[in-house]
PDB file of N, CA and C in Angstrom:
ATOM      1  N   MET A   1       0.824  -1.200   0.000  1.00  0.00           N
ATOM      2  CA  MET A   1       0.000   0.000   0.000  1.00  0.00           C
ATOM      3  C   MET A   1       0.867   1.263   0.000  1.00  0.00           C
ATOM      4  N   ARG A   2       1.906   1.255   0.861  1.00  0.00           N
ATOM      5  CA  ARG A   2       2.782   2.413   0.926  1.00  0.00           C
ATOM      6  C   ARG A   2       3.467   2.673  -0.416  1.00  0.00           C
ATOM      7  N   LEU A   3       3.833   1.615  -1.100  1.00  0.00           N
ATOM      8  CA  LEU A   3       4.477   1.757  -2.398  1.00  0.00           C
ATOM      9  C   LEU A   3       3.529   2.401  -3.407  1.00  0.00           C
ATOM     10  N   ALA A   4       2.263   2.020  -3.356  1.00  0.00           N
ATOM     11  CA  ALA A   4       1.269   2.606  -4.275  1.00  0.00           C
ATOM     12  C   ALA A   4       1.105   4.098  -4.006  1.00  0.00           C
ATOM     13  N   VAL A   5       1.043   4.480  -2.758  1.00  0.00           N
ATOM     14  CA  VAL A   5       0.898   5.891  -2.397  1.00  0.00           C
ATOM     15  C   VAL A   5       2.137   6.675  -2.837  1.00  0.00           C
ATOM     16  N   LEU A   6       3.311   6.134  -2.585  1.00  0.00           N
ATOM     17  CA  LEU A   6       4.543   6.804  -2.991  1.00  0.00           C
ATOM     18  C   LEU A   6       4.635   6.912  -4.508  1.00  0.00           C
ATOM     19  N   THR A   7       4.202   5.890  -5.212  1.00  0.00           N
ATOM     20  CA  THR A   7       4.217   5.920  -6.671  1.00  0.00           C
ATOM     21  C   THR A   7       3.282   7.004  -7.187  1.00  0.00           C
ATOM     22  N   LEU A   8       2.070   7.086  -6.623  1.00  0.00           N
ATOM     23  CA  LEU A   8       1.126   8.124  -7.034  1.00  0.00           C
ATOM     24  C   LEU A   8       1.669   9.513  -6.726  1.00  0.00           C
ATOM     25  N   PHE A   9       2.290   9.683  -5.572  1.00  0.00           N
ATOM     26  CA  PHE A   9       2.868  10.973  -5.203  1.00  0.00           C
ATOM     27  C   PHE A   9       3.992  11.347  -6.165  1.00  0.00           C
ATOM     28  N   ALA A  10       4.855  10.390  -6.481  1.00  0.00           N
ATOM     29  CA  ALA A  10       5.953  10.656  -7.406  1.00  0.00           C
ATOM     30  C   ALA A  10       5.421  11.014  -8.789  1.00  0.00           C
ATOM     31  N   PHE A  11       4.384  10.333  -9.230  1.00  0.00           N
ATOM     32  CA  PHE A  11       3.785  10.630 -10.528  1.00  0.00           C
ATOM     33  C   PHE A  11       3.191  12.033 -10.534  1.00  0.00           C
ATOM     34  N   ALA A  12       2.485  12.400  -9.471  1.00  0.00           N
ATOM     35  CA  ALA A  12       1.882  13.736  -9.382  1.00  0.00           C
ATOM     36  C   ALA A  12       2.957  14.809  -9.412  1.00  0.00           C
ATOM     37  N   CYS A  13       4.032  14.601  -8.720  1.00  0.00           N
ATOM     38  CA  CYS A  13       5.122  15.582  -8.711  1.00  0.00           C
ATOM     39  C   CYS A  13       5.800  15.664 -10.075  1.00  0.00           C
ATOM     40  N   ALA A  14       5.932  14.542 -10.731  1.00  0.00           N
ATOM     41  CA  ALA A  14       6.616  14.513 -12.024  1.00  0.00           C
ATOM     42  C   ALA A  14       5.787  15.161 -13.120  1.00  0.00           C
ATOM     43  N   THR A  15       4.459  15.152 -12.989  1.00  0.00           N
ATOM     44  CA  THR A  15       3.619  15.706 -14.046  1.00  0.00           C
ATOM     45  C   THR A  15       3.359  17.192 -13.874  1.00  0.00           C
ATOM     46  N   GLU A  16       3.632  17.744 -12.696  1.00  0.00           N
ATOM     47  CA  GLU A  16       3.471  19.182 -12.503  1.00  0.00           C
ATOM     48  C   GLU A  16       4.699  19.879 -13.064  1.00  0.00           C
ATOM     49  N   THR A  17       4.477  20.736 -14.036  1.00  0.00           N
ATOM     50  CA  THR A  17       5.596  21.467 -14.604  1.00  0.00           C
ATOM     51  C   THR A  17       5.348  22.956 -14.454  1.00  0.00           C
ATOM     52  N   GLU A  18       6.397  23.667 -14.200  1.00  0.00           N
ATOM     53  CA  GLU A  18       6.308  25.114 -14.078  1.00  0.00           C
ATOM     54  C   GLU A  18       6.176  25.709 -15.472  1.00  0.00           C
ATOM     55  N   ILE A  19       5.311  26.666 -15.598  1.00  0.00           N
ATOM     56  CA  ILE A  19       5.129  27.344 -16.877  1.00  0.00           C
ATOM     57  C   ILE A  19       6.247  28.361 -17.036  1.00  0.00           C
ATOM     58  N   VAL A  20       6.923  28.299 -18.153  1.00  0.00           N
ATOM     59  CA  VAL A  20       8.011  29.228 -18.453  1.00  0.00           C
ATOM     60  C   VAL A  20       7.519  30.194 -19.519  1.00  0.00           C
ATOM     61  N   GLY A  21       7.645  31.468 -19.244  1.00  0.00           N
ATOM     62  CA  GLY A  21       7.195  32.481 -20.179  1.00  0.00           C
ATOM     63  C   GLY A  21       8.125  32.644 -21.361  1.00  0.00           C
ATOM     64  N   ASP A  22       7.544  32.985 -22.494  1.00  0.00           N
ATOM     65  CA  ASP A  22       8.271  33.237 -23.738  1.00  0.00           C
ATOM     66  C   ASP A  22       8.069  34.713 -24.084  1.00  0.00           C
ATOM     67  N   ALA A  23       9.127  35.502 -23.970  1.00  0.00           N
ATOM     68  CA  ALA A  23       9.030  36.955 -24.186  1.00  0.00           C
ATOM     69  C   ALA A  23       8.593  37.299 -25.603  1.00  0.00           C
ATOM     70  N   ASP A  24       9.003  36.512 -26.595  1.00  0.00           N
ATOM     71  CA  ASP A  24       8.595  36.795 -27.975  1.00  0.00           C
ATOM     72  C   ASP A  24       7.091  36.606 -28.143  1.00  0.00           C
ATOM     73  N   ALA A  25       6.562  35.525 -27.603  1.00  0.00           N
ATOM     74  CA  ALA A  25       5.111  35.311 -27.651  1.00  0.00           C
ATOM     75  C   ALA A  25       4.404  36.389 -26.828  1.00  0.00           C
ATOM     76  N   GLY A  26       5.001  36.760 -25.703  1.00  0.00           N
ATOM     77  CA  GLY A  26       4.427  37.793 -24.846  1.00  0.00           C
ATOM     78  C   GLY A  26       4.358  39.150 -25.522  1.00  0.00           C
ATOM     79  N   ALA A  27       5.319  39.440 -26.400  1.00  0.00           N
ATOM     80  CA  ALA A  27       5.306  40.712 -27.123  1.00  0.00           C
ATOM     81  C   ALA A  27       4.064  40.833 -27.991  1.00  0.00           C
ATOM     82  N   THR A  28       3.672  39.744 -28.616  1.00  0.00           N
ATOM     83  CA  THR A  28       2.471  39.751 -29.452  1.00  0.00           C
ATOM     84  C   THR A  28       1.217  39.911 -28.599  1.00  0.00           C
ATOM     85  N   ILE A  29       1.143  39.181 -27.505  1.00  0.00           N
ATOM     86  CA  ILE A  29      -0.012  39.291 -26.608  1.00  0.00           C
ATOM     87  C   ILE A  29      -0.088  40.694 -26.029  1.00  0.00           C
ATOM     88  N   PHE A  30       1.065  41.245 -25.650  1.00  0.00           N
ATOM     89  CA  PHE A  30       1.125  42.602 -25.116  1.00  0.00           C
ATOM     90  C   PHE A  30       0.614  43.608 -26.143  1.00  0.00           C
ATOM     91  N   ALA A  31       1.071  43.473 -27.375  1.00  0.00           N
ATOM     92  CA  ALA A  31       0.640  44.389 -28.439  1.00  0.00           C
ATOM     93  C   ALA A  31      -0.869  44.327 -28.634  1.00  0.00           C
ATOM     94  N   ASP A  32      -1.431  43.136 -28.548  1.00  0.00           N
ATOM     95  CA  ASP A  32      -2.870  42.952 -28.766  1.00  0.00           C
ATOM     96  C   ASP A  32      -3.739  43.378 -27.591  1.00  0.00           C
ATOM     97  N   ASN A  33      -3.203  43.311 -26.361  1.00  0.00           N
ATOM     98  CA  ASN A  33      -4.043  43.507 -25.177  1.00  0.00           C
ATOM     99  C   ASN A  33      -3.623  44.638 -24.245  1.00  0.00           C
ATOM    100  N   CYS A  34      -2.379  45.048 -24.299  1.00  0.00           N
ATOM    101  CA  CYS A  34      -1.852  45.942 -23.273  1.00  0.00           C
ATOM    102  C   CYS A  34      -1.348  47.282 -23.804  1.00  0.00           C
ATOM    103  N   ALA A  35      -0.830  47.267 -25.020  1.00  0.00           N
ATOM    104  CA  ALA A  35      -0.152  48.447 -25.563  1.00  0.00           C
ATOM    105  C   ALA A  35      -1.070  49.657 -25.693  1.00  0.00           C
ATOM    106  N   SER A  36      -2.360  49.436 -25.877  1.00  0.00           N
ATOM    107  CA  SER A  36      -3.259  50.584 -26.034  1.00  0.00           C
ATOM    108  C   SER A  36      -3.285  51.460 -24.783  1.00  0.00           C
ATOM    109  N   CYS A  37      -3.018  50.887 -23.632  1.00  0.00           N
ATOM    110  CA  CYS A  37      -2.971  51.683 -22.394  1.00  0.00           C
ATOM    111  C   CYS A  37      -1.544  51.915 -21.893  1.00  0.00           C
ATOM    112  N   HIS A  38      -0.674  50.935 -22.066  1.00  0.00           N
ATOM    113  CA  HIS A  38       0.674  51.011 -21.501  1.00  0.00           C
ATOM    114  C   HIS A  38       1.738  51.414 -22.520  1.00  0.00           C
ATOM    115  N   ALA A  39       1.343  51.677 -23.765  1.00  0.00           N
ATOM    116  CA  ALA A  39       2.233  52.019 -24.886  1.00  0.00           C
ATOM    117  C   ALA A  39       3.001  50.785 -25.348  1.00  0.00           C
ATOM    118  N   ALA A  40       3.376  50.780 -26.601  1.00  0.00           N
ATOM    119  CA  ALA A  40       4.060  49.628 -27.189  1.00  0.00           C
ATOM    120  C   ALA A  40       5.362  49.300 -26.465  1.00  0.00           C
ATOM    121  N   ASP A  41       6.018  50.342 -25.930  1.00  0.00           N
ATOM    122  CA  ASP A  41       7.282  50.125 -25.228  1.00  0.00           C
ATOM    123  C   ASP A  41       7.104  50.045 -23.714  1.00  0.00           C
ATOM    124  N   GLY A  42       5.853  50.003 -23.247  1.00  0.00           N
ATOM    125  CA  GLY A  42       5.570  49.850 -21.822  1.00  0.00           C
ATOM    126  C   GLY A  42       5.778  51.080 -20.985  1.00  0.00           C
ATOM    127  N   THR A  43       6.023  52.247 -21.609  1.00  0.00           N
ATOM    128  CA  THR A  43       6.318  53.459 -20.845  1.00  0.00           C
ATOM    129  C   THR A  43       5.082  54.137 -20.279  1.00  0.00           C
ATOM    130  N   GLY A  44       3.907  53.652 -20.616  1.00  0.00           N
ATOM    131  CA  GLY A  44       2.680  54.201 -20.049  1.00  0.00           C
ATOM    132  C   GLY A  44       1.955  55.109 -21.010  1.00  0.00           C
ATOM    133  N   GLY A  45       0.821  55.513 -20.605  1.00  0.00           N
ATOM    134  CA  GLY A  45      -0.093  56.353 -21.372  1.00  0.00           C
ATOM    135  C   GLY A  45      -1.270  56.556 -20.457  1.00  0.00           C
ATOM    136  N   THR A  46      -2.411  55.975 -20.809  1.00  0.00           N
ATOM    137  CA  THR A  46      -3.531  55.999 -19.868  1.00  0.00           C
ATOM    138  C   THR A  46      -3.280  55.007 -18.742  1.00  0.00           C
ATOM    139  N   GLY A  47      -2.440  54.017 -19.001  1.00  0.00           N
ATOM    140  CA  GLY A  47      -2.022  53.061 -17.970  1.00  0.00           C
ATOM    141  C   GLY A  47      -0.636  53.423 -17.468  1.00  0.00           C
ATOM    142  N   SER A  48      -0.237  52.795 -16.395  1.00  0.00           N
ATOM    143  CA  SER A  48       1.056  53.117 -15.789  1.00  0.00           C
ATOM    144  C   SER A  48       2.219  52.548 -16.598  1.00  0.00           C
ATOM    145  N   SER A  49       3.399  53.080 -16.339  1.00  0.00           N
ATOM    146  CA  SER A  49       4.615  52.556 -16.948  1.00  0.00           C
ATOM    147  C   SER A  49       4.905  51.180 -16.361  1.00  0.00           C
ATOM    148  N   LEU A  50       5.357  50.274 -17.208  1.00  0.00           N
ATOM    149  CA  LEU A  50       5.708  48.924 -16.770  1.00  0.00           C
ATOM    150  C   LEU A  50       7.213  48.704 -16.812  1.00  0.00           C
ATOM    151  N   VAL A  51       7.932  49.721 -17.225  1.00  0.00           N
ATOM    152  CA  VAL A  51       9.386  49.625 -17.368  1.00  0.00           C
ATOM    153  C   VAL A  51      10.024  49.418 -15.995  1.00  0.00           C
ATOM    154  N   GLY A  52      10.854  48.408 -15.912  1.00  0.00           N
ATOM    155  CA  GLY A  52      11.595  48.148 -14.684  1.00  0.00           C
ATOM    156  C   GLY A  52      10.874  47.306 -13.649  1.00  0.00           C
ATOM    157  N   LEU A  53       9.655  46.859 -13.947  1.00  0.00           N
ATOM    158  CA  LEU A  53       8.951  46.011 -12.982  1.00  0.00           C
ATOM    159  C   LEU A  53       9.650  44.664 -12.874  1.00  0.00           C
ATOM    160  N   THR A  54       9.720  44.130 -11.652  1.00  0.00           N
ATOM    161  CA  THR A  54      10.380  42.842 -11.446  1.00  0.00           C
ATOM    162  C   THR A  54       9.569  41.874 -10.595  1.00  0.00           C
ATOM    163  N   ASP A  55       8.518  42.336  -9.931  1.00  0.00           N
ATOM    164  CA  ASP A  55       7.730  41.483  -9.034  1.00  0.00           C
ATOM    165  C   ASP A  55       6.730  40.659  -9.847  1.00  0.00           C
ATOM    166  N   GLU A  56       7.147  39.457 -10.235  1.00  0.00           N
ATOM    167  CA  GLU A  56       6.340  38.625 -11.112  1.00  0.00           C
ATOM    168  C   GLU A  56       5.005  38.228 -10.482  1.00  0.00           C
ATOM    169  N   ALA A  57       4.987  37.959  -9.187  1.00  0.00           N
ATOM    170  CA  ALA A  57       3.747  37.569  -8.517  1.00  0.00           C
ATOM    171  C   ALA A  57       2.734  38.709  -8.544  1.00  0.00           C
ATOM    172  N   SER A  58       3.216  39.924  -8.321  1.00  0.00           N
ATOM    173  CA  SER A  58       2.343  41.089  -8.361  1.00  0.00           C
ATOM    174  C   SER A  58       1.815  41.333  -9.777  1.00  0.00           C
ATOM    175  N   MET A  59       2.699  41.185 -10.768  1.00  0.00           N
ATOM    176  CA  MET A  59       2.268  41.352 -12.156  1.00  0.00           C
ATOM    177  C   MET A  59       1.202  40.322 -12.510  1.00  0.00           C
ATOM    178  N   GLU A  60       1.420  39.075 -12.114  1.00  0.00           N
ATOM    179  CA  GLU A  60       0.455  38.021 -12.414  1.00  0.00           C
ATOM    180  C   GLU A  60      -0.906  38.335 -11.789  1.00  0.00           C
ATOM    181  N   ALA A  61      -0.909  38.720 -10.524  1.00  0.00           N
ATOM    182  CA  ALA A  61      -2.169  39.029  -9.842  1.00  0.00           C
ATOM    183  C   ALA A  61      -2.883  40.185 -10.528  1.00  0.00           C
ATOM    184  N   THR A  62      -2.156  41.211 -10.917  1.00  0.00           N
ATOM    185  CA  THR A  62      -2.769  42.372 -11.563  1.00  0.00           C
ATOM    186  C   THR A  62      -3.313  42.015 -12.938  1.00  0.00           C
ATOM    187  N   ILE A  63      -2.566  41.226 -13.711  1.00  0.00           N
ATOM    188  CA  ILE A  63      -3.035  40.826 -15.042  1.00  0.00           C
ATOM    189  C   ILE A  63      -4.290  39.967 -14.918  1.00  0.00           C
ATOM    190  N   VAL A  64      -4.276  39.010 -14.029  1.00  0.00           N
ATOM    191  CA  VAL A  64      -5.395  38.073 -13.891  1.00  0.00           C
ATOM    192  C   VAL A  64      -6.615  38.733 -13.264  1.00  0.00           C
ATOM    193  N   ASP A  65      -6.420  39.481 -12.169  1.00  0.00           N
ATOM    194  CA  ASP A  65      -7.544  40.013 -11.394  1.00  0.00           C
ATOM    195  C   ASP A  65      -7.867  41.474 -11.660  1.00  0.00           C
ATOM    196  N   GLY A  66      -6.966  42.192 -12.327  1.00  0.00           N
ATOM    197  CA  GLY A  66      -7.163  43.621 -12.519  1.00  0.00           C
ATOM    198  C   GLY A  66      -6.819  44.379 -11.245  1.00  0.00           C
ATOM    199  N   ASP A  67      -6.828  45.717 -11.345  1.00  0.00           N
ATOM    200  CA  ASP A  67      -6.499  46.545 -10.175  1.00  0.00           C
ATOM    201  C   ASP A  67      -6.833  47.989 -10.518  1.00  0.00           C
ATOM    202  N   GLY A  68      -7.739  48.589  -9.792  1.00  0.00           N
ATOM    203  CA  GLY A  68      -8.124  49.967 -10.067  1.00  0.00           C
ATOM    204  C   GLY A  68      -8.696  50.085 -11.468  1.00  0.00           C
ATOM    205  N   GLY A  69      -8.053  50.886 -12.319  1.00  0.00           N
ATOM    206  CA  GLY A  69      -8.504  51.062 -13.693  1.00  0.00           C
ATOM    207  C   GLY A  69      -8.048  49.959 -14.630  1.00  0.00           C
ATOM    208  N   MET A  70      -7.201  49.065 -14.142  1.00  0.00           N
ATOM    209  CA  MET A  70      -6.698  47.958 -14.962  1.00  0.00           C
ATOM    210  C   MET A  70      -7.741  46.851 -14.995  1.00  0.00           C
ATOM    211  N   PRO A  71      -8.199  46.483 -16.208  1.00  0.00           N
ATOM    212  CA  PRO A  71      -9.186  45.399 -16.285  1.00  0.00           C
ATOM    213  C   PRO A  71      -8.542  44.040 -16.016  1.00  0.00           C
ATOM    214  N   ALA A  72      -9.355  43.097 -15.597  1.00  0.00           N
ATOM    215  CA  ALA A  72      -8.895  41.726 -15.375  1.00  0.00           C
ATOM    216  C   ALA A  72      -8.830  40.983 -16.707  1.00  0.00           C
ATOM    217  N   PHE A  73      -7.749  40.244 -16.911  1.00  0.00           N
ATOM    218  CA  PHE A  73      -7.588  39.448 -18.120  1.00  0.00           C
ATOM    219  C   PHE A  73      -7.602  37.947 -17.829  1.00  0.00           C
ATOM    220  N   GLY A  74      -7.969  37.564 -16.609  1.00  0.00           N
ATOM    221  CA  GLY A  74      -7.978  36.159 -16.217  1.00  0.00           C
ATOM    222  C   GLY A  74      -8.931  35.295 -17.022  1.00  0.00           C
ATOM    223  N   GLU A  75      -9.972  35.894 -17.560  1.00  0.00           N
ATOM    224  CA  GLU A  75     -10.929  35.141 -18.365  1.00  0.00           C
ATOM    225  C   GLU A  75     -10.492  35.016 -19.822  1.00  0.00           C
ATOM    226  N   SER A  76      -9.665  35.933 -20.285  1.00  0.00           N
ATOM    227  CA  SER A  76      -9.300  35.930 -21.704  1.00  0.00           C
ATOM    228  C   SER A  76      -7.879  35.432 -21.978  1.00  0.00           C
ATOM    229  N   LEU A  77      -7.016  35.426 -20.975  1.00  0.00           N
ATOM    230  CA  LEU A  77      -5.648  34.933 -21.144  1.00  0.00           C
ATOM    231  C   LEU A  77      -5.447  33.691 -20.283  1.00  0.00           C
ATOM    232  N   ASP A  78      -4.869  32.653 -20.857  1.00  0.00           N
ATOM    233  CA  ASP A  78      -4.598  31.456 -20.055  1.00  0.00           C
ATOM    234  C   ASP A  78      -3.264  31.627 -19.315  1.00  0.00           C
ATOM    235  N   ASP A  79      -2.910  30.623 -18.514  1.00  0.00           N
ATOM    236  CA  ASP A  79      -1.702  30.715 -17.690  1.00  0.00           C
ATOM    237  C   ASP A  79      -0.439  30.925 -18.528  1.00  0.00           C
ATOM    238  N   GLN A  80      -0.369  30.263 -19.674  1.00  0.00           N
ATOM    239  CA  GLN A  80       0.806  30.427 -20.540  1.00  0.00           C
ATOM    240  C   GLN A  80       0.867  31.846 -21.099  1.00  0.00           C
ATOM    241  N   ASP A  81      -0.286  32.387 -21.514  1.00  0.00           N
ATOM    242  CA  ASP A  81      -0.329  33.763 -22.022  1.00  0.00           C
ATOM    243  C   ASP A  81       0.161  34.747 -20.965  1.00  0.00           C
ATOM    244  N   VAL A  82      -0.303  34.579 -19.732  1.00  0.00           N
ATOM    245  CA  VAL A  82       0.094  35.476 -18.646  1.00  0.00           C
ATOM    246  C   VAL A  82       1.598  35.368 -18.411  1.00  0.00           C
ATOM    247  N   ALA A  83       2.124  34.152 -18.379  1.00  0.00           N
ATOM    248  CA  ALA A  83       3.566  33.965 -18.199  1.00  0.00           C
ATOM    249  C   ALA A  83       4.343  34.609 -19.340  1.00  0.00           C
ATOM    250  N   ASP A  84       3.814  34.504 -20.557  1.00  0.00           N
ATOM    251  CA  ASP A  84       4.485  35.109 -21.711  1.00  0.00           C
ATOM    252  C   ASP A  84       4.498  36.630 -21.610  1.00  0.00           C
ATOM    253  N   VAL A  85       3.380  37.220 -21.211  1.00  0.00           N
ATOM    254  CA  VAL A  85       3.316  38.687 -21.058  1.00  0.00           C
ATOM    255  C   VAL A  85       4.298  39.142 -19.973  1.00  0.00           C
ATOM    256  N   ILE A  86       4.332  38.420 -18.879  1.00  0.00           N
ATOM    257  CA  ILE A  86       5.264  38.774 -17.799  1.00  0.00           C
ATOM    258  C   ILE A  86       6.704  38.684 -18.312  1.00  0.00           C
ATOM    259  N   ALA A  87       7.020  37.637 -19.042  1.00  0.00           N
ATOM    260  CA  ALA A  87       8.374  37.504 -19.604  1.00  0.00           C
ATOM    261  C   ALA A  87       8.711  38.693 -20.482  1.00  0.00           C
ATOM    262  N   PHE A  88       7.735  39.146 -21.256  1.00  0.00           N
ATOM    263  CA  PHE A  88       7.966  40.333 -22.102  1.00  0.00           C
ATOM    264  C   PHE A  88       8.157  41.578 -21.253  1.00  0.00           C
ATOM    265  N   ILE A  89       7.305  41.786 -20.270  1.00  0.00           N
ATOM    266  CA  ILE A  89       7.407  42.979 -19.413  1.00  0.00           C
ATOM    267  C   ILE A  89       8.784  43.027 -18.743  1.00  0.00           C
ATOM    268  N   LEU A  90       9.317  41.891 -18.369  1.00  0.00           N
ATOM    269  CA  LEU A  90      10.631  41.849 -17.727  1.00  0.00           C
ATOM    270  C   LEU A  90      11.749  42.311 -18.668  1.00  0.00           C
ATOM    271  N   THR A  91      11.477  42.349 -19.969  1.00  0.00           N
ATOM    272  CA  THR A  91      12.493  42.823 -20.929  1.00  0.00           C
ATOM    273  C   THR A  91      12.448  44.331 -21.120  1.00  0.00           C
ATOM    274  N   LEU A  92      11.415  44.989 -20.604  1.00  0.00           N
ATOM    275  CA  LEU A  92      11.250  46.427 -20.844  1.00  0.00           C
ATOM    276  C   LEU A  92      12.238  47.245 -20.034  1.00  0.00           C
TER     277      LEU A  92
END
């Protein structure tokens, strides 16, 4: 029985993979969803500047849930899209 539980636990751990963002894919998503407020280069406009941001957890929460005037994108962007946008923002 213990072996079965350990095997299931090992399988569960092995199948969970961390999502890695792709900045190139994120640039396209950013252009389509974010640039109208944050500018193509992330320097801001009606939205705040994103240049120099490094807190990935905060960026993820804001993208998914929105904040103040920032709309939530959790319904329209999947986890990979969000990771890609964050990867792009980190290049600004």
